[in-house]
Amino acid sequence: MKLHVEGAGIGSRITAYGEDWIEVDRVRHQGALALMPEQGVMPWPEAQFEALTSAHFDGLIELQPDVVLLGTGARLKFPHPRLVAGLAAVRVGVEAMDTAAACRTYNVLAGEGRRVIAVFLPTVLVP
């Protein structure tokens, strides 16, 4: 799906997405990734939801986000509270949603100038 981006915010935006890819600033990426308006695309070390650990999320604290969006693929999956406890301890919200909703929400928050980090897990794992 292509997205039309509007807004006064700056930085990297999601311009389209599909089953196993996300397009950021018209460049297609496959696999797991993290995205922040100021930093652009960043590697995310784990593609499978079930293999996520608290260390994955704790690594985001130094980026000082307002909110973390977790795009869990085609279906919404909620991370166990212990996985995101480090973010909660520093008052950073974590919102889990399917990847399509996370793409749209990321663009809205980035357009508002919010310090948002989106983590996207692939909908379909590509061998």
Foldseek 3Di string as FASTA:
>chain_A
DADDFDADFAAWAFGDDDQAWTAIPNRIDGFKWKAWRVPGIDRQDDQAPVPQALVSQLVCVVLPFQEEEEAHAPAWDDDDCNSNVNVVVVPYYYHTDHNVVLNVVNSVCSRVVGGYMYIYHGNDDDD
